[in-house]
PDB file of N, CA and C in Angstrom:
ATOM      1  N   MET A   1     112.389  80.588 109.473  1.00  0.00           N
ATOM      2  CA  MET A   1     111.140  81.107 109.937  1.00  0.00           C
ATOM      3  C   MET A   1     110.302  79.936 110.456  1.00  0.00           C
ATOM      4  N   ALA A   2     109.738  80.119 111.618  1.00  0.00           N
ATOM      5  CA  ALA A   2     108.928  79.067 112.224  1.00  0.00           C
ATOM      6  C   ALA A   2     107.560  78.996 111.547  1.00  0.00           C
ATOM      7  N   PRO A   3     107.026  77.777 111.386  1.00  0.00           N
ATOM      8  CA  PRO A   3     105.674  77.657 110.818  1.00  0.00           C
ATOM      9  C   PRO A   3     104.657  78.372 111.698  1.00  0.00           C
ATOM     10  N   ARG A   4     103.594  78.811 111.095  1.00  0.00           N
ATOM     11  CA  ARG A   4     102.552  79.544 111.818  1.00  0.00           C
ATOM     12  C   ARG A   4     101.226  78.799 111.643  1.00  0.00           C
ATOM     13  N   THR A   5     100.463  78.746 112.718  1.00  0.00           N
ATOM     14  CA  THR A   5      99.163  78.071 112.658  1.00  0.00           C
ATOM     15  C   THR A   5      97.994  79.047 112.633  1.00  0.00           C
ATOM     16  N   GLN A   6      98.248  80.324 112.942  1.00  0.00           N
ATOM     17  CA  GLN A   6      97.186  81.314 112.935  1.00  0.00           C
ATOM     18  C   GLN A   6      97.551  82.478 112.024  1.00  0.00           C
ATOM     19  N   HIS A   7      96.534  83.040 111.408  1.00  0.00           N
ATOM     20  CA  HIS A   7      96.708  84.208 110.557  1.00  0.00           C
ATOM     21  C   HIS A   7      95.693  85.260 110.954  1.00  0.00           C
ATOM     22  N   GLY A   8      95.881  86.469 110.473  1.00  0.00           N
ATOM     23  CA  GLY A   8      94.955  87.552 110.768  1.00  0.00           C
ATOM     24  C   GLY A   8      94.313  88.063 109.493  1.00  0.00           C
ATOM     25  N   LEU A   9      93.279  88.847 109.660  1.00  0.00           N
ATOM     26  CA  LEU A   9      92.632  89.476 108.523  1.00  0.00           C
ATOM     27  C   LEU A   9      93.470  90.674 108.098  1.00  0.00           C
ATOM     28  N   ILE A  10      93.933  90.655 106.867  1.00  0.00           N
ATOM     29  CA  ILE A  10      94.847  91.667 106.345  1.00  0.00           C
ATOM     30  C   ILE A  10      94.114  92.491 105.287  1.00  0.00           C
ATOM     31  N   HIS A  11      94.187  93.795 105.416  1.00  0.00           N
ATOM     32  CA  HIS A  11      93.587  94.688 104.417  1.00  0.00           C
ATOM     33  C   HIS A  11      94.502  94.806 103.206  1.00  0.00           C
ATOM     34  N   GLY A  12      95.780  94.956 103.457  1.00  0.00           N
ATOM     35  CA  GLY A  12      96.759  95.051 102.379  1.00  0.00           C
ATOM     36  C   GLY A  12      97.236  96.461 102.086  1.00  0.00           C
ATOM     37  N   GLU A  13      96.401  97.451 102.343  1.00  0.00           N
ATOM     38  CA  GLU A  13      96.764  98.854 102.120  1.00  0.00           C
ATOM     39  C   GLU A  13      96.142  99.719 103.202  1.00  0.00           C
ATOM     40  N   LEU A  14      96.136  99.252 104.413  1.00  0.00           N
ATOM     41  CA  LEU A  14      95.417  99.947 105.469  1.00  0.00           C
ATOM     42  C   LEU A  14      95.997 101.325 105.723  1.00  0.00           C
ATOM     43  N   GLY A  15      95.131 102.292 105.766  1.00  0.00           N
ATOM     44  CA  GLY A  15      95.512 103.670 106.041  1.00  0.00           C
ATOM     45  C   GLY A  15      94.260 104.493 106.236  1.00  0.00           C
ATOM     46  N   PRO A  16      94.411 105.752 106.558  1.00  0.00           N
ATOM     47  CA  PRO A  16      93.236 106.579 106.846  1.00  0.00           C
ATOM     48  C   PRO A  16      92.298 106.749 105.655  1.00  0.00           C
ATOM     49  N   ASP A  17      92.813 106.597 104.449  1.00  0.00           N
ATOM     50  CA  ASP A  17      91.951 106.724 103.280  1.00  0.00           C
ATOM     51  C   ASP A  17      91.212 105.430 102.947  1.00  0.00           C
ATOM     52  N   HIS A  18      91.377 104.406 103.778  1.00  0.00           N
ATOM     53  CA  HIS A  18      90.687 103.136 103.581  1.00  0.00           C
ATOM     54  C   HIS A  18      89.763 102.807 104.741  1.00  0.00           C
ATOM     55  N   VAL A  19      89.525 103.779 105.597  1.00  0.00           N
ATOM     56  CA  VAL A  19      88.611 103.606 106.730  1.00  0.00           C
ATOM     57  C   VAL A  19      87.665 104.800 106.753  1.00  0.00           C
ATOM     58  N   LEU A  20      86.383 104.515 106.755  1.00  0.00           N
ATOM     59  CA  LEU A  20      85.372 105.555 106.914  1.00  0.00           C
ATOM     60  C   LEU A  20      84.665 105.325 108.244  1.00  0.00           C
ATOM     61  N   VAL A  21      83.942 106.303 108.688  1.00  0.00           N
ATOM     62  CA  VAL A  21      83.157 106.176 109.906  1.00  0.00           C
ATOM     63  C   VAL A  21      81.689 106.264 109.510  1.00  0.00           C
ATOM     64  N   ASP A  22      80.897 105.259 109.955  1.00  0.00           N
ATOM     65  CA  ASP A  22      79.477 105.272 109.587  1.00  0.00           C
ATOM     66  C   ASP A  22      78.679 106.222 110.480  1.00  0.00           C
ATOM     67  N   ALA A  23      77.390 106.321 110.253  1.00  0.00           N
ATOM     68  CA  ALA A  23      76.534 107.260 110.977  1.00  0.00           C
ATOM     69  C   ALA A  23      76.506 106.993 112.477  1.00  0.00           C
ATOM     70  N   SER A  24      76.824 105.745 112.879  1.00  0.00           N
ATOM     71  CA  SER A  24      76.848 105.398 114.309  1.00  0.00           C
ATOM     72  C   SER A  24      78.224 105.575 114.926  1.00  0.00           C
ATOM     73  N   GLY A  25      79.185 106.032 114.136  1.00  0.00           N
ATOM     74  CA  GLY A  25      80.528 106.240 114.652  1.00  0.00           C
ATOM     75  C   GLY A  25      81.420 105.011 114.602  1.00  0.00           C
ATOM     76  N   HIS A  26      80.992 103.958 113.895  1.00  0.00           N
ATOM     77  CA  HIS A  26      81.794 102.739 113.781  1.00  0.00           C
ATOM     78  C   HIS A  26      82.700 102.810 112.559  1.00  0.00           C
ATOM     79  N   PRO A  27      83.934 102.336 112.693  1.00  0.00           N
ATOM     80  CA  PRO A  27      84.820 102.322 111.517  1.00  0.00           C
ATOM     81  C   PRO A  27      84.358 101.279 110.500  1.00  0.00           C
ATOM     82  N   VAL A  28      84.489 101.613 109.230  1.00  0.00           N
ATOM     83  CA  VAL A  28      84.115 100.728 108.131  1.00  0.00           C
ATOM     84  C   VAL A  28      85.284 100.693 107.164  1.00  0.00           C
ATOM     85  N   LEU A  29      85.786  99.487 106.881  1.00  0.00           N
ATOM     86  CA  LEU A  29      86.863  99.341 105.909  1.00  0.00           C
ATOM     87  C   LEU A  29      86.311  99.474 104.499  1.00  0.00           C
ATOM     88  N   ILE A  30      87.049 100.165 103.650  1.00  0.00           N
ATOM     89  CA  ILE A  30      86.671 100.281 102.243  1.00  0.00           C
ATOM     90  C   ILE A  30      87.837  99.830 101.382  1.00  0.00           C
ATOM     91  N   ASP A  31      87.610  99.692 100.095  1.00  0.00           N
ATOM     92  CA  ASP A  31      88.656  99.319  99.144  1.00  0.00           C
ATOM     93  C   ASP A  31      89.296  98.005  99.584  1.00  0.00           C
ATOM     94  N   ILE A  32      88.480  96.962  99.682  1.00  0.00           N
ATOM     95  CA  ILE A  32      88.915  95.723 100.311  1.00  0.00           C
ATOM     96  C   ILE A  32      89.249  94.607  99.315  1.00  0.00           C
ATOM     97  N   GLU A  33      89.548  94.962  98.059  1.00  0.00           N
ATOM     98  CA  GLU A  33      89.819  93.905  97.083  1.00  0.00           C
ATOM     99  C   GLU A  33      91.059  93.084  97.416  1.00  0.00           C
ATOM    100  N   GLY A  34      91.957  93.609  98.249  1.00  0.00           N
ATOM    101  CA  GLY A  34      93.149  92.859  98.637  1.00  0.00           C
ATOM    102  C   GLY A  34      93.014  92.142  99.963  1.00  0.00           C
ATOM    103  N   LEU A  35      91.815  92.117 100.541  1.00  0.00           N
ATOM    104  CA  LEU A  35      91.575  91.505 101.843  1.00  0.00           C
ATOM    105  C   LEU A  35      91.924  90.022 101.817  1.00  0.00           C
ATOM    106  N   MET A  36      92.624  89.542 102.858  1.00  0.00           N
ATOM    107  CA  MET A  36      92.995  88.126 102.927  1.00  0.00           C
ATOM    108  C   MET A  36      93.350  87.747 104.358  1.00  0.00           C
ATOM    109  N   PHE A  37      93.370  86.454 104.631  1.00  0.00           N
ATOM    110  CA  PHE A  37      93.926  85.947 105.879  1.00  0.00           C
ATOM    111  C   PHE A  37      95.384  85.651 105.596  1.00  0.00           C
ATOM    112  N   PHE A  38      96.257  86.283 106.361  1.00  0.00           N
ATOM    113  CA  PHE A  38      97.687  86.166 106.096  1.00  0.00           C
ATOM    114  C   PHE A  38      98.438  86.555 107.358  1.00  0.00           C
ATOM    115  N   ASP A  39      99.740  86.559 107.285  1.00  0.00           N
ATOM    116  CA  ASP A  39     100.569  86.985 108.415  1.00  0.00           C
ATOM    117  C   ASP A  39     100.328  88.467 108.695  1.00  0.00           C
ATOM    118  N   VAL A  40     100.052  88.788 109.947  1.00  0.00           N
ATOM    119  CA  VAL A  40      99.788  90.184 110.304  1.00  0.00           C
ATOM    120  C   VAL A  40     101.018  91.064 110.087  1.00  0.00           C
ATOM    121  N   GLU A  41     102.191  90.457 110.043  1.00  0.00           N
ATOM    122  CA  GLU A  41     103.408  91.228 109.810  1.00  0.00           C
ATOM    123  C   GLU A  41     103.373  91.933 108.452  1.00  0.00           C
ATOM    124  N   TRP A  42     102.702  91.326 107.467  1.00  0.00           N
ATOM    125  CA  TRP A  42     102.597  91.957 106.152  1.00  0.00           C
ATOM    126  C   TRP A  42     101.932  93.321 106.267  1.00  0.00           C
ATOM    127  N   GLU A  43     100.832  93.385 107.021  1.00  0.00           N
ATOM    128  CA  GLU A  43     100.123  94.650 107.213  1.00  0.00           C
ATOM    129  C   GLU A  43     100.989  95.642 107.984  1.00  0.00           C
ATOM    130  N   HIS A  44     101.721  95.144 108.969  1.00  0.00           N
ATOM    131  CA  HIS A  44     102.534  96.044 109.785  1.00  0.00           C
ATOM    132  C   HIS A  44     103.717  96.619 109.014  1.00  0.00           C
ATOM    133  N   VAL A  45     104.257  95.863 108.078  1.00  0.00           N
ATOM    134  CA  VAL A  45     105.312  96.414 107.223  1.00  0.00           C
ATOM    135  C   VAL A  45     104.747  97.560 106.389  1.00  0.00           C
ATOM    136  N   PHE A  46     103.561  97.353 105.828  1.00  0.00           N
ATOM    137  CA  PHE A  46     102.925  98.420 105.056  1.00  0.00           C
ATOM    138  C   PHE A  46     102.658  99.634 105.946  1.00  0.00           C
ATOM    139  N   LEU A  47     102.133  99.398 107.149  1.00  0.00           N
ATOM    140  CA  LEU A  47     101.854 100.502 108.071  1.00  0.00           C
ATOM    141  C   LEU A  47     103.131 101.249 108.429  1.00  0.00           C
ATOM    142  N   ARG A  48     104.217 100.516 108.642  1.00  0.00           N
ATOM    143  CA  ARG A  48     105.495 101.163 108.976  1.00  0.00           C
ATOM    144  C   ARG A  48     105.974 102.049 107.831  1.00  0.00           C
ATOM    145  N   LEU A  49     105.846 101.550 106.604  1.00  0.00           N
ATOM    146  CA  LEU A  49     106.236 102.370 105.448  1.00  0.00           C
ATOM    147  C   LEU A  49     105.320 103.576 105.293  1.00  0.00           C
ATOM    148  N   ARG A  50     104.039 103.356 105.480  1.00  0.00           N
ATOM    149  CA  ARG A  50     103.062 104.422 105.248  1.00  0.00           C
ATOM    150  C   ARG A  50     103.101 105.517 106.305  1.00  0.00           C
ATOM    151  N   PHE A  51     103.282 105.128 107.573  1.00  0.00           N
ATOM    152  CA  PHE A  51     103.181 106.101 108.657  1.00  0.00           C
ATOM    153  C   PHE A  51     104.530 106.539 109.226  1.00  0.00           C
ATOM    154  N   GLY A  52     105.611 105.890 108.840  1.00  0.00           N
ATOM    155  CA  GLY A  52     106.948 106.320 109.257  1.00  0.00           C
ATOM    156  C   GLY A  52     107.082 106.519 110.756  1.00  0.00           C
ATOM    157  N   ASP A  53     107.431 107.719 111.170  1.00  0.00           N
ATOM    158  CA  ASP A  53     107.655 108.021 112.586  1.00  0.00           C
ATOM    159  C   ASP A  53     106.405 107.858 113.440  1.00  0.00           C
ATOM    160  N   ARG A  54     105.252 107.847 112.832  1.00  0.00           N
ATOM    161  CA  ARG A  54     103.992 107.697 113.588  1.00  0.00           C
ATOM    162  C   ARG A  54     103.589 106.237 113.765  1.00  0.00           C
ATOM    163  N   TYR A  55     104.332 105.320 113.153  1.00  0.00           N
ATOM    164  CA  TYR A  55     103.975 103.901 113.227  1.00  0.00           C
ATOM    165  C   TYR A  55     103.930 103.347 114.654  1.00  0.00           C
ATOM    166  N   PRO A  56     104.822 103.728 115.565  1.00  0.00           N
ATOM    167  CA  PRO A  56     104.779 103.110 116.900  1.00  0.00           C
ATOM    168  C   PRO A  56     103.399 103.118 117.566  1.00  0.00           C
ATOM    169  N   ALA A  57     102.578 104.077 117.262  1.00  0.00           N
ATOM    170  CA  ALA A  57     101.229 104.101 117.842  1.00  0.00           C
ATOM    171  C   ALA A  57     100.375 102.945 117.308  1.00  0.00           C
ATOM    172  N   LEU A  58     100.745 102.370 116.175  1.00  0.00           N
ATOM    173  CA  LEU A  58      99.989 101.280 115.561  1.00  0.00           C
ATOM    174  C   LEU A  58     100.612  99.909 115.800  1.00  0.00           C
ATOM    175  N   SER A  59     101.833  99.894 116.293  1.00  0.00           N
ATOM    176  CA  SER A  59     102.550  98.646 116.501  1.00  0.00           C
ATOM    177  C   SER A  59     101.845  97.780 117.535  1.00  0.00           C
ATOM    178  N   ARG A  60     102.193  96.523 117.537  1.00  0.00           N
ATOM    179  CA  ARG A  60     101.644  95.622 118.545  1.00  0.00           C
ATOM    180  C   ARG A  60     102.710  94.622 118.958  1.00  0.00           C
ATOM    181  N   PRO A  61     102.629  94.124 120.170  1.00  0.00           N
ATOM    182  CA  PRO A  61     103.630  93.157 120.633  1.00  0.00           C
ATOM    183  C   PRO A  61     103.443  91.808 119.945  1.00  0.00           C
ATOM    184  N   GLY A  62     104.513  91.036 119.916  1.00  0.00           N
ATOM    185  CA  GLY A  62     104.434  89.675 119.419  1.00  0.00           C
ATOM    186  C   GLY A  62     104.631  89.497 117.931  1.00  0.00           C
ATOM    187  N   LEU A  63     104.989  90.549 117.220  1.00  0.00           N
ATOM    188  CA  LEU A  63     105.238  90.403 115.783  1.00  0.00           C
ATOM    189  C   LEU A  63     106.547  89.641 115.573  1.00  0.00           C
ATOM    190  N   ASP A  64     106.581  88.792 114.575  1.00  0.00           N
ATOM    191  CA  ASP A  64     107.739  87.954 114.277  1.00  0.00           C
ATOM    192  C   ASP A  64     108.790  88.774 113.525  1.00  0.00           C
ATOM    193  N   PRO A  65     109.958  89.002 114.130  1.00  0.00           N
ATOM    194  CA  PRO A  65     110.994  89.821 113.477  1.00  0.00           C
ATOM    195  C   PRO A  65     111.455  89.260 112.130  1.00  0.00           C
ATOM    196  N   ALA A  66     111.547  87.935 112.008  1.00  0.00           N
ATOM    197  CA  ALA A  66     111.985  87.337 110.738  1.00  0.00           C
ATOM    198  C   ALA A  66     110.958  87.614 109.631  1.00  0.00           C
ATOM    199  N   ARG A  67     109.690  87.510 109.957  1.00  0.00           N
ATOM    200  CA  ARG A  67     108.651  87.804 108.968  1.00  0.00           C
ATOM    201  C   ARG A  67     108.648  89.291 108.616  1.00  0.00           C
ATOM    202  N   LEU A  68     108.825  90.141 109.610  1.00  0.00           N
ATOM    203  CA  LEU A  68     108.898  91.582 109.339  1.00  0.00           C
ATOM    204  C   LEU A  68     110.031  91.883 108.364  1.00  0.00           C
ATOM    205  N   ASP A  69     111.197  91.269 108.576  1.00  0.00           N
ATOM    206  CA  ASP A  69     112.339  91.493 107.685  1.00  0.00           C
ATOM    207  C   ASP A  69     112.046  90.996 106.271  1.00  0.00           C
ATOM    208  N   LEU A  70     111.499  89.794 106.166  1.00  0.00           N
ATOM    209  CA  LEU A  70     111.193  89.227 104.849  1.00  0.00           C
ATOM    210  C   LEU A  70     110.172  90.079 104.106  1.00  0.00           C
ATOM    211  N   TYR A  71     109.112  90.470 104.790  1.00  0.00           N
ATOM    212  CA  TYR A  71     108.056  91.243 104.132  1.00  0.00           C
ATOM    213  C   TYR A  71     108.503  92.667 103.815  1.00  0.00           C
ATOM    214  N   MET A  72     109.404  93.221 104.612  1.00  0.00           N
ATOM    215  CA  MET A  72     109.931  94.543 104.274  1.00  0.00           C
ATOM    216  C   MET A  72     110.735  94.456 102.974  1.00  0.00           C
ATOM    217  N   LEU A  73     111.545  93.425 102.841  1.00  0.00           N
ATOM    218  CA  LEU A  73     112.302  93.248 101.596  1.00  0.00           C
ATOM    219  C   LEU A  73     111.347  93.050 100.417  1.00  0.00           C
ATOM    220  N   ALA A  74     110.337  92.215 100.595  1.00  0.00           N
ATOM    221  CA  ALA A  74     109.374  91.973  99.516  1.00  0.00           C
ATOM    222  C   ALA A  74     108.647  93.252  99.131  1.00  0.00           C
ATOM    223  N   MET A  75     108.266  94.047 100.117  1.00  0.00           N
ATOM    224  CA  MET A  75     107.535  95.288  99.837  1.00  0.00           C
ATOM    225  C   MET A  75     108.450  96.283  99.109  1.00  0.00           C
ATOM    226  N   ARG A  76     109.694  96.385  99.552  1.00  0.00           N
ATOM    227  CA  ARG A  76     110.640  97.300  98.883  1.00  0.00           C
ATOM    228  C   ARG A  76     110.850  96.885  97.429  1.00  0.00           C
ATOM    229  N   LEU A  77     111.010  95.579  97.194  1.00  0.00           N
ATOM    230  CA  LEU A  77     111.201  95.103  95.820  1.00  0.00           C
ATOM    231  C   LEU A  77     109.963  95.369  94.972  1.00  0.00           C
ATOM    232  N   SER A  78     108.790  95.230  95.561  1.00  0.00           N
ATOM    233  CA  SER A  78     107.555  95.544  94.846  1.00  0.00           C
ATOM    234  C   SER A  78     107.489  97.028  94.493  1.00  0.00           C
ATOM    235  N   LEU A  79     108.024  97.871  95.391  1.00  0.00           N
ATOM    236  CA  LEU A  79     108.024  99.315  95.143  1.00  0.00           C
ATOM    237  C   LEU A  79     109.128  99.729  94.161  1.00  0.00           C
ATOM    238  N   VAL A  80     109.940  98.792  93.753  1.00  0.00           N
ATOM    239  CA  VAL A  80     110.861  99.002  92.634  1.00  0.00           C
ATOM    240  C   VAL A  80     110.184  98.530  91.350  1.00  0.00           C
ATOM    241  N   ALA A  81     109.607  97.338  91.409  1.00  0.00           N
ATOM    242  CA  ALA A  81     109.023  96.725  90.212  1.00  0.00           C
ATOM    243  C   ALA A  81     107.837  97.525  89.670  1.00  0.00           C
ATOM    244  N   GLY A  82     106.961  97.996  90.545  1.00  0.00           N
ATOM    245  CA  GLY A  82     105.781  98.742  90.095  1.00  0.00           C
ATOM    246  C   GLY A  82     106.131  99.986  89.292  1.00  0.00           C
ATOM    247  N   PRO A  83     106.961 100.865  89.834  1.00  0.00           N
ATOM    248  CA  PRO A  83     107.359 102.047  89.059  1.00  0.00           C
ATOM    249  C   PRO A  83     108.098 101.701  87.763  1.00  0.00           C
ATOM    250  N   LEU A  84     108.922 100.649  87.781  1.00  0.00           N
ATOM    251  CA  LEU A  84     109.624 100.279  86.552  1.00  0.00           C
ATOM    252  C   LEU A  84     108.655  99.815  85.469  1.00  0.00           C
ATOM    253  N   ARG A  85     107.582  99.119  85.887  1.00  0.00           N
ATOM    254  CA  ARG A  85     106.557  98.717  84.903  1.00  0.00           C
ATOM    255  C   ARG A  85     105.900  99.947  84.296  1.00  0.00           C
ATOM    256  N   LEU A  86     105.625 100.948  85.128  1.00  0.00           N
ATOM    257  CA  LEU A  86     105.031 102.182  84.608  1.00  0.00           C
ATOM    258  C   LEU A  86     105.979 102.889  83.639  1.00  0.00           C
ATOM    259  N   LEU A  87     107.275 102.830  83.934  1.00  0.00           N
ATOM    260  CA  LEU A  87     108.257 103.486  83.068  1.00  0.00           C
ATOM    261  C   LEU A  87     108.411 102.782  81.720  1.00  0.00           C
ATOM    262  N   ASP A  88     107.973 101.520  81.638  1.00  0.00           N
ATOM    263  CA  ASP A  88     107.998 100.819  80.354  1.00  0.00           C
ATOM    264  C   ASP A  88     106.967 101.379  79.383  1.00  0.00           C
ATOM    265  N   GLY A  89     105.977 102.071  79.926  1.00  0.00           N
ATOM    266  CA  GLY A  89     104.933 102.654  79.090  1.00  0.00           C
ATOM    267  C   GLY A  89     105.120 104.154  78.937  1.00  0.00           C
ATOM    268  N   ASP A  90     104.001 104.834  78.740  1.00  0.00           N
ATOM    269  CA  ASP A  90     104.061 106.282  78.512  1.00  0.00           C
ATOM    270  C   ASP A  90     103.585 107.067  79.739  1.00  0.00           C
ATOM    271  N   PHE A  91     103.866 106.556  80.912  1.00  0.00           N
ATOM    272  CA  PHE A  91     103.474 107.234  82.146  1.00  0.00           C
ATOM    273  C   PHE A  91     104.045 108.653  82.150  1.00  0.00           C
ATOM    274  N   PRO A  92     103.223 109.656  82.429  1.00  0.00           N
ATOM    275  CA  PRO A  92     103.668 111.047  82.269  1.00  0.00           C
ATOM    276  C   PRO A  92     104.644 111.559  83.332  1.00  0.00           C
ATOM    277  N   HIS A  93     104.592 111.038  84.523  1.00  0.00           N
ATOM    278  CA  HIS A  93     105.441 111.555  85.614  1.00  0.00           C
ATOM    279  C   HIS A  93     106.659 110.655  85.808  1.00  0.00           C
ATOM    280  N   ARG A  94     107.481 110.602  84.811  1.00  0.00           N
ATOM    281  CA  ARG A  94     108.588 109.654  84.761  1.00  0.00           C
ATOM    282  C   ARG A  94     109.635 109.905  85.852  1.00  0.00           C
ATOM    283  N   THR A  95     109.935 111.151  86.110  1.00  0.00           N
ATOM    284  CA  THR A  95     110.968 111.465  87.103  1.00  0.00           C
ATOM    285  C   THR A  95     110.554 110.962  88.485  1.00  0.00           C
ATOM    286  N   VAL A  96     109.311 111.179  88.842  1.00  0.00           N
ATOM    287  CA  VAL A  96     108.821 110.737  90.148  1.00  0.00           C
ATOM    288  C   VAL A  96     108.897 109.217  90.256  1.00  0.00           C
ATOM    289  N   MET A  97     108.472 108.505  89.226  1.00  0.00           N
ATOM    290  CA  MET A  97     108.514 107.040  89.257  1.00  0.00           C
ATOM    291  C   MET A  97     109.948 106.535  89.322  1.00  0.00           C
ATOM    292  N   ARG A  98     110.829 107.175  88.610  1.00  0.00           N
ATOM    293  CA  ARG A  98     112.237 106.774  88.655  1.00  0.00           C
ATOM    294  C   ARG A  98     112.802 106.993  90.054  1.00  0.00           C
ATOM    295  N   GLU A  99     112.457 108.106  90.678  1.00  0.00           N
ATOM    296  CA  GLU A  99     112.925 108.390  92.037  1.00  0.00           C
ATOM    297  C   GLU A  99     112.379 107.374  93.044  1.00  0.00           C
ATOM    298  N   ILE A 100     111.122 106.991  92.893  1.00  0.00           N
ATOM    299  CA  ILE A 100     110.539 105.979  93.785  1.00  0.00           C
ATOM    300  C   ILE A 100     111.263 104.652  93.615  1.00  0.00           C
ATOM    301  N   ALA A 101     111.498 104.246  92.377  1.00  0.00           N
ATOM    302  CA  ALA A 101     112.197 102.987  92.116  1.00  0.00           C
ATOM    303  C   ALA A 101     113.616 103.024  92.677  1.00  0.00           C
ATOM    304  N   GLU A 102     114.327 104.106  92.454  1.00  0.00           N
ATOM    305  CA  GLU A 102     115.709 104.223  92.943  1.00  0.00           C
ATOM    306  C   GLU A 102     115.760 104.231  94.467  1.00  0.00           C
ATOM    307  N   HIS A 103     114.866 104.977  95.099  1.00  0.00           N
ATOM    308  CA  HIS A 103     114.836 105.028  96.568  1.00  0.00           C
ATOM    309  C   HIS A 103     114.599 103.636  97.154  1.00  0.00           C
ATOM    310  N   ASN A 104     113.620 102.923  96.615  1.00  0.00           N
ATOM    311  CA  ASN A 104     113.299 101.609  97.159  1.00  0.00           C
ATOM    312  C   ASN A 104     114.346 100.561  96.812  1.00  0.00           C
ATOM    313  N   ALA A 105     115.028 100.715  95.687  1.00  0.00           N
ATOM    314  CA  ALA A 105     116.139  99.805  95.379  1.00  0.00           C
ATOM    315  C   ALA A 105     117.261  99.988  96.397  1.00  0.00           C
ATOM    316  N   LYS A 106     117.580 101.233  96.738  1.00  0.00           N
ATOM    317  CA  LYS A 106     118.598 101.498  97.765  1.00  0.00           C
ATOM    318  C   LYS A 106     118.185 100.943  99.111  1.00  0.00           C
ATOM    319  N   GLU A 107     116.901 101.116  99.465  1.00  0.00           N
ATOM    320  CA  GLU A 107     116.408 100.585 100.740  1.00  0.00           C
ATOM    321  C   GLU A 107     116.462  99.064 100.770  1.00  0.00           C
ATOM    322  N   ALA A 108     116.123  98.417  99.663  1.00  0.00           N
ATOM    323  CA  ALA A 108     116.172  96.950  99.589  1.00  0.00           C
ATOM    324  C   ALA A 108     117.606  96.449  99.709  1.00  0.00           C
ATOM    325  N   LEU A 109     118.523  97.121  99.026  1.00  0.00           N
ATOM    326  CA  LEU A 109     119.937  96.710  99.122  1.00  0.00           C
ATOM    327  C   LEU A 109     120.464  96.912 100.535  1.00  0.00           C
ATOM    328  N   ALA A 110     120.045  97.961 101.197  1.00  0.00           N
ATOM    329  CA  ALA A 110     120.473  98.201 102.586  1.00  0.00           C
ATOM    330  C   ALA A 110     119.975  97.098 103.502  1.00  0.00           C
ATOM    331  N   LEU A 111     118.786  96.576 103.237  1.00  0.00           N
ATOM    332  CA  LEU A 111     118.258  95.477 104.041  1.00  0.00           C
ATOM    333  C   LEU A 111     119.091  94.211 103.862  1.00  0.00           C
ATOM    334  N   LEU A 112     119.603  93.995 102.661  1.00  0.00           N
ATOM    335  CA  LEU A 112     120.405  92.809 102.390  1.00  0.00           C
ATOM    336  C   LEU A 112     121.768  92.873 103.069  1.00  0.00           C
ATOM    337  N   VAL A 113     122.261  94.081 103.286  1.00  0.00           N
ATOM    338  CA  VAL A 113     123.572  94.256 103.925  1.00  0.00           C
ATOM    339  C   VAL A 113     123.488  93.974 105.420  1.00  0.00           C
ATOM    340  N   GLN A 114     122.329  94.241 106.012  1.00  0.00           N
ATOM    341  CA  GLN A 114     122.168  94.072 107.459  1.00  0.00           C
ATOM    342  C   GLN A 114     122.351  92.657 107.889  1.00  0.00           C
TER     343      GLN A 114
END
């Protein structure tokens, strides 16, 4: 991966439930505790996972494919680890968490095969 000299403002969980419109019609970001300057590819991996087939409308040119691949793997692994941590406790919806962990483990392994 090539070194980078510029970063972008990253929300971390950008989606329609994290943007409100003020009285003047301007978008306002909310829930910004994860805000940081980082590689924009991190946000785009999240957007791709969140919006699926609708992601192309949000895509932008010039994204680094190597960073996209790395961050997709990291995000998939995080989506395995989070549910497994919940399963260590008394989380009530165990089947759903197990399914999320299993789905993302399969997706992460598929990325490693590519």
